[in-house]
Amino acid sequence: MDYVLRLQALDGYANKFNEIFGDRFSRCMYVYHTGKKGDNPHYHFTLTCDYKQPALRAELNKHFNLAKGNRHLSLKKWDGNPKACSYLFHEGTEPVVIRGFSEGEVNEFRQANNDIQDDIKDKSPNRMCITMYEKFKGRNPTKWELFSAIMNECRSNGSWFPNKYQMERWIMKIEGMLTEGTDPRDWESLKVKWFRQYYGDFELPF
């Protein structure tokens, strides 16, 4: 049976791994992660063993008993999809133990993670703004030109389309980027334009 396990990193747990994930586990790979903010230490495992899921869960709960709940221990069946293994590499850390997986398989997992991370970057708001900056650099595009180009880019790369407020933020970000390195008056004019959009005919302080 194949499983993925997420286990909170609590005192003494790592010292038990060699004993618990022993002969009955033909494949075992695990990695230590800390979470996005570095304040959520935990382990991710991919496992192949002869335990049925209820028996394995009971065995794990017997040994790893310093906390409860899914945040502490989450065990799920694994369908063999390599994405489960590629996820182990997403924080840039290497597995602590690799057993039963070939070097070629592990390299494929690493590459799959790299491809996923590149795809995320390509579809991120910052990547979008950089793409639009490169497209319109040296020009003064209208809002319609920016709107149309952003929507076309989202459609071509399979991203979600931004809502109205996201679109407005992206357009402002791109407009600001396009004034970088240009005549300082361009930036001042842009600020005045934004001020008018916000406050209409409210009197300017100059």
Protein backbone atom coordinates (compact mmCIF):
# COMPACT_ATOMS: atom_id res chain seq x y z
CA MET A 1 0.00 0.00 0.00
CA ASP A 2 1.19 3.51 -0.83
CA TYR A 3 0.68 6.49 1.47
CA VAL A 4 1.57 10.13 2.00
CA LEU A 5 2.09 11.28 5.56
CA ARG A 6 2.38 14.74 7.05
CA LEU A 7 3.71 14.76 10.60
CA GLN A 8 4.30 17.69 12.91
CA ALA A 9 7.94 17.94 14.00
CA LEU A 10 7.76 17.55 17.77
CA ASP A 11 10.46 16.69 20.28
CA GLY A 12 11.86 13.20 19.89
CA TYR A 13 9.85 12.21 16.83
CA ALA A 14 12.78 12.08 14.41
CA ASN A 15 14.65 9.71 16.72
CA LYS A 16 11.90 7.12 16.19
CA PHE A 17 11.87 7.14 12.39
CA ASN A 18 14.49 4.44 11.78
CA GLU A 19 12.68 2.03 14.08
CA ILE A 20 9.14 2.74 12.92
CA PHE A 21 9.74 3.00 9.17
CA GLY A 22 11.79 -0.18 9.01
CA ASP A 23 11.51 -3.55 7.25
CA ARG A 24 7.78 -3.33 6.58
CA PHE A 25 8.36 -0.22 4.44
CA SER A 26 9.82 -1.08 1.04
CA ARG A 27 9.89 2.60 0.09
CA CYS A 28 10.35 5.58 2.37
CA MET A 29 11.29 9.14 1.56
CA TYR A 30 10.83 12.07 3.89
CA VAL A 31 11.82 15.71 4.14
CA TYR A 32 11.78 18.37 6.84
CA HIS A 33 9.83 21.56 6.11
CA THR A 34 9.17 24.71 8.13
CA GLY A 35 6.27 26.33 6.22
CA LYS A 36 6.12 29.65 4.39
CA LYS A 37 6.80 31.74 7.50
CA GLY A 38 9.29 29.34 9.01
CA ASP A 39 7.15 28.75 12.10
CA ASN A 40 5.47 25.44 11.21
CA PRO A 41 8.06 22.63 11.39
CA HIS A 42 6.83 19.34 10.00
CA TYR A 43 7.78 16.29 7.94
CA HIS A 44 6.38 15.02 4.64
CA PHE A 45 6.68 11.31 3.81
CA THR A 46 5.91 9.13 0.81
CA LEU A 47 5.66 5.49 1.90
CA THR A 48 5.08 2.01 0.55
CA CYS A 49 4.41 -0.73 3.10
CA ASP A 50 2.34 -3.83 3.87
CA TYR A 51 0.14 -2.06 6.43
CA LYS A 52 -3.50 -1.42 5.66
CA GLN A 53 -4.46 2.17 6.38
CA PRO A 54 -6.29 1.66 9.72
CA ALA A 55 -3.43 -0.46 11.07
CA LEU A 56 -0.80 2.04 9.94
CA ARG A 57 -2.73 4.94 11.42
CA ALA A 58 -2.99 3.11 14.75
CA GLU A 59 0.72 2.34 14.72
CA LEU A 60 1.63 5.95 13.99
CA ASN A 61 -0.69 7.30 16.66
CA LYS A 62 0.86 4.92 19.17
CA HIS A 63 4.36 6.27 18.62
CA PHE A 64 3.62 9.90 17.72
CA ASN A 65 1.34 10.90 20.58
CA LEU A 66 2.42 14.37 21.70
CA ALA A 67 -0.52 16.04 19.94
CA LYS A 68 -3.73 15.21 18.08
CA GLY A 69 -5.65 16.23 14.97
CA ASN A 70 -4.90 16.52 11.25
CA ARG A 71 -2.46 19.35 11.81
CA HIS A 72 -0.41 16.96 13.91
CA LEU A 73 -0.69 13.83 11.77
CA SER A 74 -2.34 13.40 8.39
CA LEU A 75 -2.20 10.02 6.60
CA LYS A 76 -3.69 9.54 3.14
CA LYS A 77 -3.56 6.87 0.47
CA TRP A 78 -1.22 7.70 -2.38
CA ASP A 79 -2.20 6.80 -5.95
CA GLY A 80 1.42 6.82 -7.11
CA ASN A 81 1.18 10.22 -8.75
CA PRO A 82 4.74 11.66 -8.78
CA LYS A 83 3.38 15.07 -7.74
CA ALA A 84 3.23 13.76 -4.18
CA CYS A 85 6.97 13.17 -4.33
CA SER A 86 7.76 16.41 -6.16
CA TYR A 87 6.02 18.30 -3.35
CA LEU A 88 8.73 17.15 -0.97
CA PHE A 89 11.15 19.46 -2.80
CA HIS A 90 9.02 22.61 -2.88
CA GLU A 91 10.79 24.37 0.00
CA GLY A 92 14.16 23.78 -1.61
CA THR A 93 15.23 21.18 0.93
CA GLU A 94 16.52 17.69 0.16
CA PRO A 95 15.02 14.51 1.66
CA VAL A 96 16.62 13.27 4.86
CA VAL A 97 16.10 9.63 3.84
CA ILE A 98 15.54 8.07 0.42
CA ARG A 99 14.92 4.32 0.40
CA GLY A 100 13.39 2.24 -2.39
CA PHE A 101 13.37 5.05 -4.95
CA SER A 102 15.94 5.06 -7.75
CA GLU A 103 18.21 8.01 -8.43
CA GLY A 104 16.41 8.52 -11.74
CA GLU A 105 13.02 8.68 -10.01
CA VAL A 106 14.29 11.21 -7.47
CA ASN A 107 15.71 13.39 -10.25
CA GLU A 108 12.33 13.27 -11.98
CA PHE A 109 10.66 14.40 -8.75
CA ARG A 110 13.09 17.31 -8.48
CA GLN A 111 12.48 18.35 -12.06
CA ALA A 112 8.70 18.06 -11.65
CA ASN A 113 8.92 20.42 -8.67
CA ASN A 114 11.06 22.87 -10.69
CA ASP A 115 8.47 22.82 -13.48
CA ILE A 116 5.63 23.46 -11.02
CA GLN A 117 7.48 26.33 -9.33
CA ASP A 118 8.30 27.89 -12.71
CA ASP A 119 4.65 27.63 -13.73
CA ILE A 120 3.56 29.31 -10.49
CA LYS A 121 6.03 32.15 -11.07
CA ASP A 122 4.88 32.57 -14.66
CA LYS A 123 1.27 32.95 -13.50
CA SER A 124 1.97 35.16 -10.48
CA PRO A 125 0.84 38.81 -10.28
CA ASN A 126 4.46 40.00 -10.18
CA ARG A 127 5.30 37.98 -13.27
CA MET A 128 2.29 39.49 -15.01
CA CYS A 129 3.40 43.04 -14.19
CA ILE A 130 6.93 42.34 -15.43
CA THR A 131 5.54 40.83 -18.65
CA MET A 132 3.37 43.89 -19.28
CA TYR A 133 6.23 46.25 -18.42
CA GLU A 134 8.44 44.53 -20.99
CA LYS A 135 5.63 44.65 -23.56
CA PHE A 136 4.89 48.38 -23.15
CA LYS A 137 8.28 49.75 -22.09
CA GLY A 138 8.90 53.13 -23.73
CA ARG A 139 5.20 53.64 -24.43
CA ASN A 140 2.28 55.25 -22.66
CA PRO A 141 -0.49 52.64 -23.08
CA THR A 142 -4.12 53.38 -22.43
CA LYS A 143 -6.04 51.52 -19.75
CA TRP A 144 -7.82 49.58 -22.47
CA GLU A 145 -4.49 48.46 -23.96
CA LEU A 146 -3.29 47.28 -20.55
CA PHE A 147 -6.61 45.61 -19.73
CA SER A 148 -6.73 43.80 -23.06
CA ALA A 149 -3.10 42.68 -22.88
CA ILE A 150 -3.52 41.33 -19.32
CA MET A 151 -6.65 39.38 -20.23
CA ASN A 152 -4.97 37.95 -23.33
CA GLU A 153 -1.97 36.87 -21.25
CA CYS A 154 -4.19 35.21 -18.62
CA ARG A 155 -6.09 33.36 -21.33
CA SER A 156 -2.94 32.15 -23.08
CA ASN A 157 -1.20 30.81 -19.95
CA GLY A 158 -4.30 29.32 -18.33
CA SER A 159 -4.39 31.68 -15.33
CA TRP A 160 -7.51 32.83 -13.51
CA PHE A 161 -8.83 36.14 -14.80
CA PRO A 162 -8.42 38.98 -12.28
CA ASN A 163 -11.46 40.62 -10.73
CA LYS A 164 -12.04 44.37 -11.04
CA TYR A 165 -9.98 45.30 -7.99
CA GLN A 166 -7.08 43.03 -8.91
CA MET A 167 -7.10 44.47 -12.42
CA GLU A 168 -6.98 48.03 -11.10
CA ARG A 169 -4.02 47.18 -8.85
CA TRP A 170 -2.15 45.50 -11.70
CA ILE A 171 -2.74 48.41 -14.06
CA MET A 172 -1.55 50.93 -11.46
CA LYS A 173 1.52 48.82 -10.75
CA ILE A 174 2.36 48.59 -14.45
CA GLU A 175 1.76 52.30 -15.03
CA GLY A 176 4.10 53.09 -12.17
CA MET A 177 6.76 50.71 -13.49
CA LEU A 178 6.58 52.34 -16.91
CA THR A 179 7.61 55.71 -15.43
CA GLU A 180 10.81 54.27 -13.93
CA GLY A 181 13.87 55.71 -15.64
CA THR A 182 11.83 58.23 -17.60
CA ASP A 183 11.43 61.99 -17.18
CA PRO A 184 10.52 62.64 -13.49
CA ARG A 185 7.59 64.69 -14.74
CA ASP A 186 6.02 61.47 -16.06
CA TRP A 187 5.77 60.13 -12.51
CA GLU A 188 4.37 63.41 -11.20
CA SER A 189 1.77 63.48 -13.97
CA LEU A 190 0.80 59.90 -13.19
CA LYS A 191 0.29 60.72 -9.52
CA VAL A 192 -1.97 63.61 -10.48
CA LYS A 193 -3.96 61.31 -12.77
CA TRP A 194 -4.40 58.77 -9.96
CA PHE A 195 -5.38 61.53 -7.54
CA ARG A 196 -8.11 62.67 -9.94
CA GLN A 197 -9.35 59.09 -10.26
CA TYR A 198 -9.58 58.85 -6.48
CA TYR A 199 -10.91 62.29 -5.58
CA GLY A 200 -12.30 63.85 -8.74
CA ASP A 201 -12.06 67.63 -8.70
CA PHE A 202 -10.85 67.84 -5.11
CA GLU A 203 -8.35 70.71 -4.93
CA LEU A 204 -4.73 69.75 -5.34
CA PRO A 205 -2.22 71.22 -2.82
CA PHE A 206 -0.29 73.11 -5.55
